[in-house]
Amino acid sequence: MITVETRARALLATLNLRPATQAASGRYQRSVPVRPGVRYWATSQIRSRKDLVGIQFYGEGLAEARRLRGRLEQAGFRPRSPQTGQETFAKPVPFSTADAIDAAALRSLRRELDAILAEADLAGVSEAARTFRQFMLASPLSDQPIEPPERSAPWREID
């Protein structure tokens, strides 16, 4: 018999996330923080044949939760309240055949969450700067070290 706790741990493992200490009676599993005040969150509703996976904001991450609330809800993540003082948003993922974990749907959900978090990182950056940054990071030479040219002492005239 699979328990809610073991299934929730398996959900995090499927997403290549390391579980942190368990919450409540183990039915909610949290990942180690992915950034200050932000971690992934998982639980399962076995009778309903669906898993719930999402993101949890706590401490200094609560300000980010307020900024991202609209974007998360627009993407289908619903607010949950498993613990006070924390903002949690989760989206259901139906079980696959034979009550297995739907790994493809989970990975898609994680990509969606990662994209929302990445948008938040660029929120204060102007569109032109964001485009230039993306251009530079997409360059095949972006990870190559560049050595500055040799310059002799009097390379610039001083008045």
Protein backbone atom coordinates (compact mmCIF):
# COMPACT_ATOMS: atom_id res chain seq x y z
CA MET A 1 0.00 0.00 0.00
CA ILE A 2 1.42 3.35 -1.05
CA THR A 3 1.04 6.11 1.52
CA VAL A 4 0.55 9.78 0.81
CA GLU A 5 3.97 10.48 2.33
CA THR A 6 5.85 8.00 0.12
CA ARG A 7 4.02 9.18 -2.98
CA ALA A 8 4.77 12.84 -2.19
CA ARG A 9 8.46 11.96 -1.72
CA ALA A 10 8.39 10.13 -5.05
CA LEU A 11 6.93 13.23 -6.71
CA LEU A 12 9.87 15.33 -5.53
CA ALA A 13 12.31 12.61 -6.60
CA THR A 14 10.74 12.55 -10.07
CA LEU A 15 11.44 16.28 -10.31
CA ASN A 16 15.06 15.75 -9.17
CA LEU A 17 14.39 17.67 -5.97
CA ARG A 18 15.78 16.73 -2.59
CA PRO A 19 13.13 16.63 0.14
CA ALA A 20 13.63 18.73 3.26
CA THR A 21 12.17 17.91 6.63
CA GLN A 22 8.58 16.81 6.45
CA ALA A 23 5.63 18.96 7.43
CA ALA A 24 2.51 18.04 9.36
CA SER A 25 2.10 14.27 9.46
CA GLY A 26 4.19 13.72 6.34
CA ARG A 27 1.43 14.17 3.80
CA TYR A 28 3.05 17.41 2.60
CA GLN A 29 6.61 17.25 1.32
CA ARG A 30 8.83 20.23 0.73
CA SER A 31 12.06 20.46 -1.21
CA VAL A 32 15.17 22.13 0.06
CA PRO A 33 14.98 25.85 -0.82
CA VAL A 34 15.65 26.66 -4.48
CA ARG A 35 16.23 30.33 -3.57
CA PRO A 36 15.81 32.22 -0.30
CA GLY A 37 12.23 31.77 0.91
CA VAL A 38 11.12 29.59 -2.02
CA ARG A 39 10.80 25.80 -2.26
CA TYR A 40 8.81 23.23 -4.22
CA TRP A 41 5.91 21.49 -2.52
CA ALA A 42 4.08 18.21 -3.14
CA THR A 43 1.29 16.08 -1.77
CA SER A 44 -1.08 13.47 -3.12
CA GLN A 45 -4.81 12.84 -2.96
CA ILE A 46 -4.86 9.10 -3.50
CA ARG A 47 -8.64 8.71 -3.32
CA SER A 48 -9.07 11.41 -5.97
CA ARG A 49 -6.25 9.88 -8.04
CA LYS A 50 -4.34 13.15 -8.36
CA ASP A 51 -1.07 14.57 -7.18
CA LEU A 52 -0.64 18.21 -6.22
CA VAL A 53 2.68 19.86 -7.01
CA GLY A 54 3.57 23.48 -6.68
CA ILE A 55 5.66 26.09 -4.97
CA GLN A 56 5.77 27.43 -1.45
CA PHE A 57 6.92 30.87 -0.33
CA TYR A 58 7.93 31.60 3.25
CA GLY A 59 9.91 34.19 5.18
CA GLU A 60 11.63 36.57 2.79
CA GLY A 61 9.95 34.85 -0.17
CA LEU A 62 6.49 36.11 0.86
CA ALA A 63 7.04 39.40 -1.00
CA GLU A 64 7.77 37.40 -4.14
CA ALA A 65 4.57 35.41 -3.60
CA ARG A 66 2.54 38.61 -3.61
CA ARG A 67 4.17 39.71 -6.87
CA LEU A 68 3.71 36.31 -8.56
CA ARG A 69 0.21 35.48 -7.27
CA GLY A 70 -1.59 36.67 -10.43
CA ARG A 71 0.84 34.94 -12.79
CA LEU A 72 0.63 31.67 -10.83
CA GLU A 73 -3.17 31.72 -10.73
CA GLN A 74 -3.28 32.56 -14.44
CA ALA A 75 -1.17 29.45 -15.08
CA GLY A 76 -3.64 27.27 -13.15
CA PHE A 77 -1.90 27.11 -9.77
CA ARG A 78 -4.39 27.45 -6.92
CA PRO A 79 -3.62 28.86 -3.48
CA ARG A 80 -3.48 26.31 -0.68
CA SER A 81 -2.94 26.79 3.01
CA PRO A 82 -1.24 23.76 4.54
CA GLN A 83 0.71 25.94 6.97
CA THR A 84 0.20 29.39 8.44
CA GLY A 85 2.65 32.13 7.51
CA GLN A 86 3.39 30.54 4.14
CA GLU A 87 1.94 31.03 0.67
CA THR A 88 1.53 27.81 -1.30
CA PHE A 89 0.32 27.44 -4.89
CA ALA A 90 -0.30 24.00 -6.38
CA LYS A 91 -1.65 22.45 -9.53
CA PRO A 92 -3.20 18.97 -9.82
CA VAL A 93 -1.60 16.28 -11.94
CA PRO A 94 -3.82 13.22 -12.53
CA PHE A 95 -2.32 9.77 -11.96
CA SER A 96 -1.18 8.02 -15.10
CA THR A 97 -2.25 4.49 -15.96
CA ALA A 98 -2.07 1.90 -13.19
CA ASP A 99 -1.92 4.73 -10.61
CA ALA A 100 1.69 5.55 -11.54
CA ILE A 101 3.23 9.01 -11.34
CA ASP A 102 2.85 10.95 -14.58
CA ALA A 103 6.53 11.95 -14.91
CA ALA A 104 6.08 13.83 -18.20
CA ALA A 105 3.28 16.00 -16.77
CA LEU A 106 5.34 16.68 -13.63
CA ARG A 107 8.39 17.76 -15.62
CA SER A 108 6.19 20.05 -17.72
CA LEU A 109 4.75 21.56 -14.55
CA ARG A 110 8.25 22.17 -13.18
CA ARG A 111 9.32 23.89 -16.41
CA GLU A 112 6.25 26.09 -16.10
CA LEU A 113 7.13 27.03 -12.52
CA ASP A 114 10.77 27.63 -13.41
CA ALA A 115 9.68 29.95 -16.23
CA ILE A 116 7.46 31.94 -13.86
CA LEU A 117 10.34 32.30 -11.40
CA ALA A 118 12.68 33.34 -14.22
CA GLU A 119 10.19 36.01 -15.31
CA ALA A 120 10.22 37.32 -11.75
CA ASP A 121 14.02 37.58 -11.89
CA LEU A 122 13.78 39.78 -14.98
CA ALA A 123 10.79 41.82 -13.77
CA GLY A 124 12.80 44.95 -13.02
CA VAL A 125 14.89 44.78 -16.20
CA SER A 126 13.83 46.83 -19.23
CA GLU A 127 12.78 44.98 -22.39
CA ALA A 128 15.82 46.20 -24.36
CA ALA A 129 18.21 45.08 -21.65
CA ARG A 130 16.42 41.74 -21.28
CA THR A 131 16.66 41.12 -25.01
CA PHE A 132 20.35 42.04 -25.10
CA ARG A 133 21.05 39.80 -22.09
CA GLN A 134 19.25 36.89 -23.76
CA PHE A 135 21.21 37.55 -26.95
CA MET A 136 24.52 37.52 -25.08
CA LEU A 137 23.67 34.38 -23.10
CA ALA A 138 22.62 32.58 -26.28
CA SER A 139 25.96 33.28 -27.94
CA PRO A 140 28.12 30.20 -28.57
CA LEU A 141 31.01 32.18 -27.05
CA SER A 142 29.17 33.10 -23.84
CA ASP A 143 31.20 30.69 -21.71
CA GLN A 144 34.58 31.41 -23.30
CA PRO A 145 37.12 33.42 -21.29
CA ILE A 146 38.27 36.61 -22.98
CA GLU A 147 41.74 37.96 -22.34
CA PRO A 148 42.15 41.75 -22.52
CA PRO A 149 44.74 42.98 -25.04
CA GLU A 150 48.26 43.92 -23.96
CA ARG A 151 48.74 47.65 -23.53
CA SER A 152 51.95 49.53 -22.99
CA ALA A 153 52.13 52.11 -20.21
CA PRO A 154 51.58 55.22 -22.40
CA TRP A 155 48.63 53.74 -24.32
CA ARG A 156 46.50 56.79 -23.51
CA GLU A 157 47.67 60.39 -23.56
CA ILE A 158 47.06 62.32 -20.37
CA ASP A 159 46.79 66.11 -20.42
